Amino acid sequence: MDTRLLELLVCPVTKGPLTYKHDTQELVSRSARLAYPVRDGIPVLLENEARVLTDIEIEEGRQA
């Protein structure tokens, strides 16, 4: 994911920052506890397409 693009994108729910997870191809919003998919290099920033993060994933994100 292009870092310049990532700087411009925000979570559509909280308007907070997103973190790109390369291994899962997702943009993660810790504040909304959602992970948005990136399909064919295109972020899908729709709340109904996002998956809810588990407590474990939230904790792992804080430690990284």
N, C-alpha and C. Protein backbone atom coordinates (compact mmCIF):
# COMPACT_ATOMS: atom_id res chain seq x y z
N MET A 1 0.85 -1.18 0.00
CA MET A 1 0.00 0.00 0.00
C MET A 1 0.89 1.23 0.00
N ASP A 2 0.55 2.18 -0.82
CA ASP A 2 1.29 3.43 -0.93
C ASP A 2 1.17 4.21 0.37
N THR A 3 2.30 4.57 0.97
CA THR A 3 2.28 5.27 2.26
C THR A 3 1.65 6.65 2.13
N ARG A 4 1.79 7.30 0.99
CA ARG A 4 1.15 8.62 0.81
C ARG A 4 -0.37 8.48 0.82
N LEU A 5 -0.88 7.42 0.21
CA LEU A 5 -2.32 7.18 0.21
C LEU A 5 -2.80 6.87 1.62
N LEU A 6 -2.03 6.09 2.34
CA LEU A 6 -2.40 5.71 3.70
C LEU A 6 -2.49 6.94 4.61
N GLU A 7 -1.65 7.94 4.37
CA GLU A 7 -1.70 9.17 5.16
C GLU A 7 -3.00 9.94 4.94
N LEU A 8 -3.61 9.78 3.78
CA LEU A 8 -4.84 10.51 3.44
C LEU A 8 -6.10 9.79 3.90
N LEU A 9 -6.03 8.48 4.01
CA LEU A 9 -7.21 7.69 4.36
C LEU A 9 -7.48 7.74 5.86
N VAL A 10 -8.76 7.80 6.21
CA VAL A 10 -9.17 7.74 7.61
C VAL A 10 -10.33 6.76 7.73
N CYS A 11 -10.58 6.33 8.94
CA CYS A 11 -11.70 5.44 9.20
C CYS A 11 -13.00 6.19 8.93
N PRO A 12 -13.90 5.63 8.13
CA PRO A 12 -15.16 6.31 7.85
C PRO A 12 -16.08 6.41 9.06
N VAL A 13 -15.85 5.61 10.08
CA VAL A 13 -16.70 5.64 11.27
C VAL A 13 -16.21 6.67 12.27
N THR A 14 -14.90 6.63 12.60
CA THR A 14 -14.35 7.50 13.64
C THR A 14 -13.55 8.67 13.10
N LYS A 15 -13.23 8.65 11.83
CA LYS A 15 -12.35 9.65 11.19
C LYS A 15 -10.93 9.61 11.76
N GLY A 16 -10.61 8.49 12.41
CA GLY A 16 -9.29 8.29 12.98
C GLY A 16 -8.35 7.63 12.00
N PRO A 17 -7.07 7.47 12.39
CA PRO A 17 -6.06 6.89 11.51
C PRO A 17 -6.27 5.40 11.27
N LEU A 18 -5.74 4.93 10.15
CA LEU A 18 -5.79 3.53 9.78
C LEU A 18 -4.37 2.99 9.70
N THR A 19 -4.21 1.72 10.04
CA THR A 19 -2.92 1.04 9.95
C THR A 19 -3.06 -0.10 8.96
N TYR A 20 -2.10 -0.20 8.03
CA TYR A 20 -2.16 -1.27 7.03
C TYR A 20 -1.49 -2.52 7.56
N LYS A 21 -2.22 -3.64 7.51
CA LYS A 21 -1.69 -4.94 7.91
C LYS A 21 -1.44 -5.74 6.64
N HIS A 22 -0.18 -5.87 6.27
CA HIS A 22 0.19 -6.53 5.01
C HIS A 22 -0.22 -8.00 4.98
N ASP A 23 -0.04 -8.70 6.11
CA ASP A 23 -0.32 -10.14 6.13
C ASP A 23 -1.80 -10.47 5.91
N THR A 24 -2.71 -9.60 6.33
CA THR A 24 -4.13 -9.86 6.15
C THR A 24 -4.76 -9.00 5.06
N GLN A 25 -3.96 -8.08 4.48
CA GLN A 25 -4.46 -7.18 3.44
C GLN A 25 -5.67 -6.39 3.95
N GLU A 26 -5.47 -5.74 5.11
CA GLU A 26 -6.55 -4.98 5.73
C GLU A 26 -6.03 -3.64 6.24
N LEU A 27 -6.95 -2.67 6.30
CA LEU A 27 -6.70 -1.40 6.97
C LEU A 27 -7.42 -1.46 8.30
N VAL A 28 -6.68 -1.27 9.38
CA VAL A 28 -7.21 -1.47 10.72
C VAL A 28 -7.45 -0.13 11.40
N SER A 29 -8.65 0.00 11.97
CA SER A 29 -9.00 1.14 12.80
C SER A 29 -9.15 0.62 14.22
N ARG A 30 -8.16 0.90 15.05
CA ARG A 30 -8.24 0.42 16.43
C ARG A 30 -9.35 1.12 17.19
N SER A 31 -9.56 2.41 16.91
CA SER A 31 -10.59 3.16 17.64
C SER A 31 -11.99 2.64 17.33
N ALA A 32 -12.24 2.20 16.11
CA ALA A 32 -13.54 1.64 15.74
C ALA A 32 -13.60 0.14 15.94
N ARG A 33 -12.43 -0.47 16.18
CA ARG A 33 -12.31 -1.93 16.33
C ARG A 33 -12.77 -2.65 15.07
N LEU A 34 -12.38 -2.08 13.90
CA LEU A 34 -12.77 -2.64 12.61
C LEU A 34 -11.55 -2.83 11.72
N ALA A 35 -11.63 -3.82 10.84
CA ALA A 35 -10.60 -4.06 9.83
C ALA A 35 -11.28 -4.04 8.47
N TYR A 36 -10.85 -3.09 7.63
CA TYR A 36 -11.42 -2.93 6.30
C TYR A 36 -10.57 -3.69 5.29
N PRO A 37 -11.18 -4.45 4.39
CA PRO A 37 -10.41 -5.22 3.42
C PRO A 37 -9.79 -4.34 2.34
N VAL A 38 -8.66 -4.81 1.80
CA VAL A 38 -8.04 -4.20 0.63
C VAL A 38 -8.09 -5.27 -0.45
N ARG A 39 -8.87 -5.01 -1.50
CA ARG A 39 -9.06 -5.98 -2.57
C ARG A 39 -8.43 -5.46 -3.85
N ASP A 40 -7.51 -6.23 -4.40
CA ASP A 40 -6.79 -5.85 -5.62
C ASP A 40 -6.16 -4.47 -5.49
N GLY A 41 -5.65 -4.18 -4.30
CA GLY A 41 -4.98 -2.91 -4.05
C GLY A 41 -5.91 -1.74 -3.78
N ILE A 42 -7.21 -2.00 -3.70
CA ILE A 42 -8.20 -0.94 -3.49
C ILE A 42 -8.83 -1.10 -2.11
N PRO A 43 -8.70 -0.08 -1.24
CA PRO A 43 -9.32 -0.16 0.07
C PRO A 43 -10.85 -0.10 -0.04
N VAL A 44 -11.51 -1.00 0.66
CA VAL A 44 -12.98 -1.02 0.69
C VAL A 44 -13.39 -0.46 2.06
N LEU A 45 -13.62 0.84 2.10
CA LEU A 45 -13.90 1.51 3.37
C LEU A 45 -15.40 1.64 3.62
N LEU A 46 -16.05 0.51 3.62
CA LEU A 46 -17.48 0.44 3.91
C LEU A 46 -17.67 -0.32 5.22
N GLU A 47 -18.43 0.27 6.13
CA GLU A 47 -18.61 -0.34 7.44
C GLU A 47 -19.20 -1.75 7.34
N ASN A 48 -20.11 -1.95 6.40
CA ASN A 48 -20.72 -3.28 6.28
C ASN A 48 -19.79 -4.31 5.64
N GLU A 49 -18.66 -3.89 5.09
CA GLU A 49 -17.65 -4.82 4.54
C GLU A 49 -16.54 -5.11 5.55
N ALA A 50 -16.47 -4.32 6.61
CA ALA A 50 -15.41 -4.48 7.61
C ALA A 50 -15.73 -5.63 8.55
N ARG A 51 -14.67 -6.18 9.12
CA ARG A 51 -14.88 -7.20 10.15
C ARG A 51 -14.48 -6.61 11.50
N VAL A 52 -15.13 -7.10 12.54
CA VAL A 52 -14.87 -6.62 13.89
C VAL A 52 -13.59 -7.28 14.41
N LEU A 53 -12.72 -6.46 15.00
CA LEU A 53 -11.48 -6.98 15.57
C LEU A 53 -11.75 -7.66 16.91
N THR A 54 -11.01 -8.70 17.17
CA THR A 54 -11.12 -9.40 18.46
C THR A 54 -10.32 -8.64 19.51
N ASP A 55 -10.57 -8.94 20.77
CA ASP A 55 -9.81 -8.33 21.86
C ASP A 55 -8.33 -8.64 21.72
N ILE A 56 -8.02 -9.85 21.28
CA ILE A 56 -6.62 -10.26 21.11
C ILE A 56 -5.94 -9.42 20.04
N GLU A 57 -6.63 -9.18 18.92
CA GLU A 57 -6.06 -8.36 17.85
C GLU A 57 -5.83 -6.92 18.31
N ILE A 58 -6.72 -6.39 19.12
CA ILE A 58 -6.57 -5.04 19.65
C ILE A 58 -5.32 -4.98 20.54
N GLU A 59 -5.17 -5.95 21.42
CA GLU A 59 -4.00 -6.00 22.31
C GLU A 59 -2.70 -6.14 21.52
N GLU A 60 -2.70 -7.00 20.50
CA GLU A 60 -1.50 -7.17 19.67
C GLU A 60 -1.14 -5.87 18.98
N GLY A 61 -2.14 -5.12 18.54
CA GLY A 61 -1.90 -3.83 17.89
C GLY A 61 -1.28 -2.81 18.82
N ARG A 62 -1.63 -2.87 20.09
CA ARG A 62 -1.07 -1.93 21.07
C ARG A 62 0.39 -2.26 21.35
N GLN A 63 0.74 -3.54 21.29
CA GLN A 63 2.12 -3.95 21.57
C GLN A 63 3.05 -3.71 20.41
N ALA A 64 2.52 -3.61 19.19
CA ALA A 64 3.36 -3.45 17.99
C ALA A 64 3.93 -2.06 17.87
